[in-house]
N, C-alpha and C. Protein backbone atom coordinates (compact mmCIF):
# COMPACT_ATOMS: atom_id res chain seq x y z
N MET A 1 -52.29 18.44 -63.34
CA MET A 1 -52.13 17.78 -62.05
C MET A 1 -51.22 18.65 -61.19
N ILE A 2 -51.44 18.60 -59.88
CA ILE A 2 -50.67 19.41 -58.94
C ILE A 2 -49.83 18.49 -58.06
N CYS A 3 -48.58 18.87 -57.84
CA CYS A 3 -47.64 18.09 -57.04
C CYS A 3 -48.06 18.07 -55.58
N GLN A 4 -48.04 16.88 -54.97
CA GLN A 4 -48.40 16.77 -53.56
C GLN A 4 -47.27 17.23 -52.66
N ARG A 5 -46.06 17.26 -53.17
CA ARG A 5 -44.91 17.68 -52.36
C ARG A 5 -44.82 19.20 -52.25
N CYS A 6 -44.93 19.90 -53.40
CA CYS A 6 -44.72 21.36 -53.38
C CYS A 6 -45.87 22.16 -53.99
N GLU A 7 -46.92 21.47 -54.44
CA GLU A 7 -48.08 22.08 -55.09
C GLU A 7 -47.73 22.77 -56.41
N GLY A 8 -46.66 22.31 -57.04
CA GLY A 8 -46.26 22.84 -58.34
C GLY A 8 -46.99 22.14 -59.48
N LEU A 9 -46.76 22.63 -60.68
CA LEU A 9 -47.39 22.07 -61.87
C LEU A 9 -46.68 20.78 -62.29
N MET A 10 -47.46 19.74 -62.59
CA MET A 10 -46.90 18.48 -63.04
C MET A 10 -47.26 18.27 -64.51
N VAL A 11 -46.30 17.71 -65.25
CA VAL A 11 -46.49 17.43 -66.67
C VAL A 11 -46.31 15.94 -66.91
N LEU A 12 -47.02 15.42 -67.90
CA LEU A 12 -46.94 14.01 -68.24
C LEU A 12 -45.75 13.78 -69.17
N GLU A 13 -44.89 12.82 -68.81
CA GLU A 13 -43.72 12.48 -69.62
C GLU A 13 -43.65 10.98 -69.79
N LEU A 14 -42.88 10.53 -70.78
CA LEU A 14 -42.67 9.10 -71.01
C LEU A 14 -41.24 8.75 -70.62
N TYR A 15 -41.09 7.68 -69.83
CA TYR A 15 -39.79 7.22 -69.37
C TYR A 15 -39.54 5.81 -69.88
N ASP A 16 -38.28 5.50 -70.19
CA ASP A 16 -37.92 4.16 -70.66
C ASP A 16 -38.05 3.16 -69.51
N ASP A 17 -38.60 1.98 -69.82
CA ASP A 17 -38.71 0.91 -68.84
C ASP A 17 -37.40 0.12 -68.87
N LEU A 18 -36.57 0.32 -67.87
CA LEU A 18 -35.24 -0.29 -67.85
C LEU A 18 -35.29 -1.78 -67.53
N GLU A 19 -36.39 -2.27 -66.94
CA GLU A 19 -36.50 -3.71 -66.67
C GLU A 19 -36.61 -4.50 -67.96
N LEU A 20 -37.23 -3.93 -68.98
CA LEU A 20 -37.41 -4.63 -70.25
C LEU A 20 -36.30 -4.29 -71.24
N GLY A 21 -35.26 -3.64 -70.79
CA GLY A 21 -34.18 -3.25 -71.67
C GLY A 21 -34.57 -2.05 -72.50
N SER A 22 -33.80 -1.76 -73.50
CA SER A 22 -34.10 -0.59 -74.33
C SER A 22 -34.86 -1.03 -75.58
N ALA A 23 -35.92 -1.78 -75.39
CA ALA A 23 -36.70 -2.30 -76.51
C ALA A 23 -37.82 -1.35 -76.93
N GLY A 24 -37.76 -0.11 -76.48
CA GLY A 24 -38.75 0.86 -76.87
C GLY A 24 -39.97 0.90 -75.98
N TYR A 25 -39.94 0.23 -74.84
CA TYR A 25 -41.06 0.27 -73.92
C TYR A 25 -40.98 1.54 -73.08
N GLU A 26 -42.07 2.25 -73.02
CA GLU A 26 -42.08 3.49 -72.26
C GLU A 26 -43.21 3.47 -71.24
N ILE A 27 -42.97 4.14 -70.10
CA ILE A 27 -43.94 4.21 -69.02
C ILE A 27 -44.34 5.68 -68.85
N PRO A 28 -45.65 5.98 -68.85
CA PRO A 28 -46.05 7.36 -68.59
C PRO A 28 -45.94 7.68 -67.10
N ALA A 29 -45.46 8.86 -66.79
CA ALA A 29 -45.34 9.31 -65.40
C ALA A 29 -45.46 10.82 -65.36
N TRP A 30 -45.85 11.33 -64.20
CA TRP A 30 -45.98 12.77 -64.00
C TRP A 30 -44.71 13.29 -63.34
N ARG A 31 -44.19 14.43 -63.84
CA ARG A 31 -43.00 15.07 -63.26
C ARG A 31 -43.33 16.50 -62.89
N CYS A 32 -42.94 16.90 -61.68
CA CYS A 32 -43.18 18.26 -61.21
C CYS A 32 -42.14 19.20 -61.80
N LEU A 33 -42.60 20.31 -62.35
CA LEU A 33 -41.68 21.29 -62.91
C LEU A 33 -40.93 22.07 -61.84
N ASN A 34 -41.45 22.13 -60.62
CA ASN A 34 -40.79 22.88 -59.54
C ASN A 34 -39.75 22.04 -58.81
N CYS A 35 -40.17 20.90 -58.25
CA CYS A 35 -39.27 20.13 -57.39
C CYS A 35 -38.71 18.88 -58.07
N GLY A 36 -39.24 18.50 -59.22
CA GLY A 36 -38.71 17.35 -59.94
C GLY A 36 -39.27 16.01 -59.50
N ALA A 37 -40.24 16.00 -58.61
CA ALA A 37 -40.84 14.74 -58.16
C ALA A 37 -41.45 14.00 -59.34
N ILE A 38 -41.28 12.68 -59.36
CA ILE A 38 -41.83 11.85 -60.43
C ILE A 38 -42.81 10.86 -59.80
N VAL A 39 -44.02 10.78 -60.36
CA VAL A 39 -45.05 9.88 -59.86
C VAL A 39 -45.61 9.08 -61.02
N ASP A 40 -45.46 7.75 -60.94
CA ASP A 40 -46.08 6.86 -61.92
C ASP A 40 -47.12 6.01 -61.21
N SER A 41 -47.70 5.06 -61.88
CA SER A 41 -48.77 4.27 -61.28
C SER A 41 -48.28 3.44 -60.10
N VAL A 42 -47.05 2.93 -60.16
CA VAL A 42 -46.50 2.12 -59.06
C VAL A 42 -46.27 3.00 -57.82
N ILE A 43 -45.70 4.17 -58.03
CA ILE A 43 -45.45 5.09 -56.91
C ILE A 43 -46.77 5.54 -56.30
N ALA A 44 -47.75 5.87 -57.13
CA ALA A 44 -49.06 6.32 -56.63
C ALA A 44 -49.73 5.21 -55.81
N ALA A 45 -49.66 3.96 -56.27
CA ALA A 45 -50.26 2.85 -55.53
C ALA A 45 -49.56 2.64 -54.20
N HIS A 46 -48.24 2.79 -54.18
CA HIS A 46 -47.49 2.64 -52.93
C HIS A 46 -47.87 3.73 -51.93
N HIS A 47 -48.02 4.96 -52.39
CA HIS A 47 -48.42 6.05 -51.49
C HIS A 47 -49.80 5.80 -50.90
N GLN A 48 -50.71 5.27 -51.70
CA GLN A 48 -52.06 5.01 -51.20
C GLN A 48 -52.05 3.90 -50.16
N SER A 49 -51.19 2.90 -50.34
CA SER A 49 -51.19 1.77 -49.41
C SER A 49 -50.41 2.07 -48.13
N THR A 50 -49.47 3.02 -48.17
CA THR A 50 -48.66 3.30 -46.98
C THR A 50 -49.14 4.49 -46.17
N HIS A 51 -49.86 5.39 -46.78
CA HIS A 51 -50.34 6.57 -46.05
C HIS A 51 -51.69 6.25 -45.41
N LYS A 52 -51.72 6.31 -44.09
CA LYS A 52 -52.93 5.98 -43.36
C LYS A 52 -53.89 7.16 -43.38
N ILE A 53 -55.16 6.86 -43.51
CA ILE A 53 -56.18 7.90 -43.46
C ILE A 53 -56.59 8.15 -42.02
N GLU A 54 -56.69 7.09 -41.24
CA GLU A 54 -57.08 7.26 -39.84
C GLU A 54 -55.84 7.54 -39.00
N PRO A 55 -55.97 8.36 -37.97
CA PRO A 55 -54.82 8.73 -37.16
C PRO A 55 -54.26 7.55 -36.37
N ASP A 56 -52.98 7.61 -36.10
CA ASP A 56 -52.29 6.58 -35.35
C ASP A 56 -52.73 6.63 -33.88
N PRO A 57 -53.20 5.51 -33.30
CA PRO A 57 -53.69 5.52 -31.92
C PRO A 57 -52.62 5.94 -30.91
N LEU A 58 -51.38 5.52 -31.12
CA LEU A 58 -50.30 5.89 -30.20
C LEU A 58 -50.06 7.40 -30.24
N ARG A 59 -50.12 7.98 -31.41
CA ARG A 59 -49.94 9.42 -31.54
C ARG A 59 -51.07 10.17 -30.83
N LEU A 60 -52.29 9.70 -30.99
CA LEU A 60 -53.42 10.33 -30.31
C LEU A 60 -53.27 10.25 -28.80
N GLN A 61 -52.78 9.13 -28.30
CA GLN A 61 -52.58 8.95 -26.86
C GLN A 61 -51.53 9.95 -26.35
N ARG A 62 -50.46 10.13 -27.10
CA ARG A 62 -49.41 11.07 -26.71
C ARG A 62 -49.93 12.51 -26.72
N LEU A 63 -50.74 12.84 -27.73
CA LEU A 63 -51.31 14.18 -27.81
C LEU A 63 -52.24 14.46 -26.62
N LYS A 64 -53.00 13.45 -26.21
CA LYS A 64 -53.89 13.62 -25.05
C LYS A 64 -53.07 13.86 -23.79
N LYS A 65 -51.96 13.13 -23.62
CA LYS A 65 -51.10 13.32 -22.47
C LYS A 65 -50.52 14.73 -22.45
N LEU A 66 -50.09 15.21 -23.62
CA LEU A 66 -49.54 16.56 -23.71
C LEU A 66 -50.61 17.61 -23.38
N ALA A 67 -51.81 17.40 -23.86
CA ALA A 67 -52.89 18.36 -23.61
C ALA A 67 -53.25 18.40 -22.13
N MET A 68 -53.21 17.26 -21.45
CA MET A 68 -53.55 17.21 -20.04
C MET A 68 -52.43 17.81 -19.18
N ALA A 69 -51.20 17.75 -19.66
CA ALA A 69 -50.05 18.25 -18.90
C ALA A 69 -50.00 19.78 -18.90
N THR A 70 -50.60 20.40 -19.88
CA THR A 70 -50.53 21.87 -19.96
C THR A 70 -51.70 22.54 -19.32
């Protein structure tokens, strides 16, 4: 897997689930060897829900104004 932040190599690691205490529960997550970014299923789902695919209409309007001004 490749890191979305720095395009570095990511490796799969197991992390302790601190919500369940130290009862031996582990969560798989990807860690970037370059920048240290950690991505698990919760983080990946949050990124998908918060990052818009379609452009922001207000931003497009501002870009049009800038293009017309030059």
